[in-house]
C-alpha atoms as a PDB file:
ATOM      1  CA  MET A   1      57.195 -27.018  -5.705  1.00  0.00           C
ATOM      2  CA  SER A   2      53.528 -26.392  -4.975  1.00  0.00           C
ATOM      3  CA  GLY A   3      52.032 -23.373  -6.707  1.00  0.00           C
ATOM      4  CA  THR A   4      54.463 -23.378  -9.626  1.00  0.00           C
ATOM      5  CA  VAL A   5      53.666 -23.783 -13.303  1.00  0.00           C
ATOM      6  CA  ARG A   6      56.159 -26.044 -15.076  1.00  0.00           C
ATOM      7  CA  PRO A   7      55.995 -26.320 -18.880  1.00  0.00           C
ATOM      8  CA  TRP A   8      57.231 -29.672 -20.189  1.00  0.00           C
ATOM      9  CA  HIS A   9      57.787 -31.321 -23.557  1.00  0.00           C
ATOM     10  CA  VAL A  10      58.900 -34.586 -25.102  1.00  0.00           C
ATOM     11  CA  HIS A  11      61.954 -34.014 -27.322  1.00  0.00           C
ATOM     12  CA  TYR A  12      63.877 -36.003 -29.895  1.00  0.00           C
ATOM     13  CA  GLY A  13      67.417 -36.896 -28.780  1.00  0.00           C
ATOM     14  CA  THR A  14      68.801 -37.034 -25.262  1.00  0.00           C
ATOM     15  CA  CYS A  15      69.367 -34.635 -22.388  1.00  0.00           C
ATOM     16  CA  GLY A  16      72.249 -32.468 -23.604  1.00  0.00           C
ATOM     17  CA  ASN A  17      71.532 -33.352 -27.253  1.00  0.00           C
ATOM     18  CA  ASP A  18      68.173 -31.719 -27.931  1.00  0.00           C
ATOM     19  CA  GLN A  19      66.894 -32.322 -31.466  1.00  0.00           C
ATOM     20  CA  GLY A  20      63.555 -30.517 -31.102  1.00  0.00           C
ATOM     21  CA  ILE A  21      60.130 -30.905 -29.549  1.00  0.00           C
ATOM     22  CA  VAL A  22      57.965 -33.827 -30.653  1.00  0.00           C
ATOM     23  CA  GLY A  23      54.699 -32.492 -32.061  1.00  0.00           C
ATOM     24  CA  ASP A  24      53.024 -29.175 -31.336  1.00  0.00           C
ATOM     25  CA  PRO A  25      54.473 -27.463 -28.226  1.00  0.00           C
ATOM     26  CA  ASN A  26      50.961 -26.234 -27.406  1.00  0.00           C
ATOM     27  CA  ALA A  27      49.764 -29.859 -26.992  1.00  0.00           C
ATOM     28  CA  TYR A  28      51.592 -30.050 -23.653  1.00  0.00           C
ATOM     29  CA  ALA A  29      49.534 -28.569 -20.805  1.00  0.00           C
ATOM     30  CA  PRO A  30      51.919 -27.336 -18.081  1.00  0.00           C
ATOM     31  CA  LEU A  31      52.496 -29.266 -14.878  1.00  0.00           C
ATOM     32  CA  ARG A  32      50.908 -27.703 -11.791  1.00  0.00           C
ATOM     33  CA  PRO A  33      52.281 -29.413  -8.671  1.00  0.00           C
ATOM     34  CA  GLY A  34      49.897 -29.802  -5.757  1.00  0.00           C
ATOM     35  CA  ALA A  35      50.567 -29.329  -2.050  1.00  0.00           C
ATOM     36  CA  ASP A  36      52.547 -32.587  -1.987  1.00  0.00           C
ATOM     37  CA  GLY A  37      54.784 -31.413  -4.864  1.00  0.00           C
ATOM     38  CA  ALA A  38      53.457 -34.069  -7.259  1.00  0.00           C
ATOM     39  CA  ALA A  39      52.061 -33.335 -10.707  1.00  0.00           C
ATOM     40  CA  ASN A  40      50.687 -35.403 -13.587  1.00  0.00           C
ATOM     41  CA  ALA A  41      50.050 -34.512 -17.203  1.00  0.00           C
ATOM     42  CA  THR A  42      49.280 -36.116 -20.518  1.00  0.00           C
ATOM     43  CA  ALA A  43      49.678 -34.858 -24.060  1.00  0.00           C
ATOM     44  CA  THR A  44      48.141 -36.087 -27.270  1.00  0.00           C
ATOM     45  CA  ILE A  45      50.462 -35.579 -30.202  1.00  0.00           C
ATOM     46  CA  THR A  46      49.793 -36.461 -33.822  1.00  0.00           C
ATOM     47  CA  VAL A  47      53.378 -37.465 -34.608  1.00  0.00           C
ATOM     48  CA  PRO A  48      54.173 -41.193 -34.697  1.00  0.00           C
ATOM     49  CA  LEU A  49      57.088 -42.205 -32.492  1.00  0.00           C
ATOM     50  CA  ASP A  50      59.900 -44.198 -34.090  1.00  0.00           C
ATOM     51  CA  THR A  51      61.293 -46.946 -31.847  1.00  0.00           C
ATOM     52  CA  ARG A  52      64.701 -46.497 -33.530  1.00  0.00           C
ATOM     53  CA  ARG A  53      64.979 -42.944 -32.190  1.00  0.00           C
ATOM     54  CA  THR A  54      65.667 -41.721 -28.669  1.00  0.00           C
ATOM     55  CA  TYR A  55      63.388 -39.367 -26.780  1.00  0.00           C
ATOM     56  CA  PHE A  56      63.531 -37.443 -23.539  1.00  0.00           C
ATOM     57  CA  VAL A  57      61.285 -35.272 -21.380  1.00  0.00           C
ATOM     58  CA  ASN A  58      62.336 -31.931 -19.990  1.00  0.00           C
ATOM     59  CA  ILE A  59      60.622 -29.695 -17.467  1.00  0.00           C
ATOM     60  CA  HIS A  60      61.130 -25.935 -17.605  1.00  0.00           C
ATOM     61  CA  GLU A  61      61.399 -23.540 -14.660  1.00  0.00           C
ATOM     62  CA  SER A  62      58.389 -21.451 -15.748  1.00  0.00           C
ATOM     63  CA  PRO A  63      56.530 -20.216 -18.833  1.00  0.00           C
ATOM     64  CA  THR A  64      58.758 -17.118 -18.891  1.00  0.00           C
ATOM     65  CA  ARG A  65      62.003 -19.052 -18.265  1.00  0.00           C
ATOM     66  CA  LEU A  66      61.809 -21.833 -20.828  1.00  0.00           C
ATOM     67  CA  GLN A  67      65.600 -21.772 -21.265  1.00  0.00           C
ATOM     68  CA  SER A  68      66.013 -22.939 -17.662  1.00  0.00           C
ATOM     69  CA  ILE A  69      65.503 -26.723 -17.381  1.00  0.00           C
ATOM     70  CA  VAL A  70      64.767 -27.999 -13.860  1.00  0.00           C
ATOM     71  CA  ALA A  71      64.499 -31.703 -14.777  1.00  0.00           C
ATOM     72  CA  CYS A  72      65.390 -33.892 -17.727  1.00  0.00           C
ATOM     73  CA  GLY A  73      65.186 -37.623 -18.270  1.00  0.00           C
ATOM     74  CA  PRO A  74      64.998 -40.339 -20.930  1.00  0.00           C
ATOM     75  CA  LEU A  75      61.655 -41.564 -22.179  1.00  0.00           C
ATOM     76  CA  GLY A  76      61.446 -45.346 -22.377  1.00  0.00           C
ATOM     77  CA  MET A  77      59.469 -47.017 -25.107  1.00  0.00           C
END
């Protein structure tokens, strides 16, 4: 939704089996959807990814409602 601020993070595990955020949570600038509802972001983390592990991305409702996940999906490597 345009005008929202959506924190996001890459996590270890899968949706429903969260094993923690990959890297520093502050490395992830929040998503800020434009008028068309689309948003893009990148994060530079200093943690190497292990191809034997699974990862997922989640998007939070807002900075004050991090417990509320509005989207979650696997991260392909």
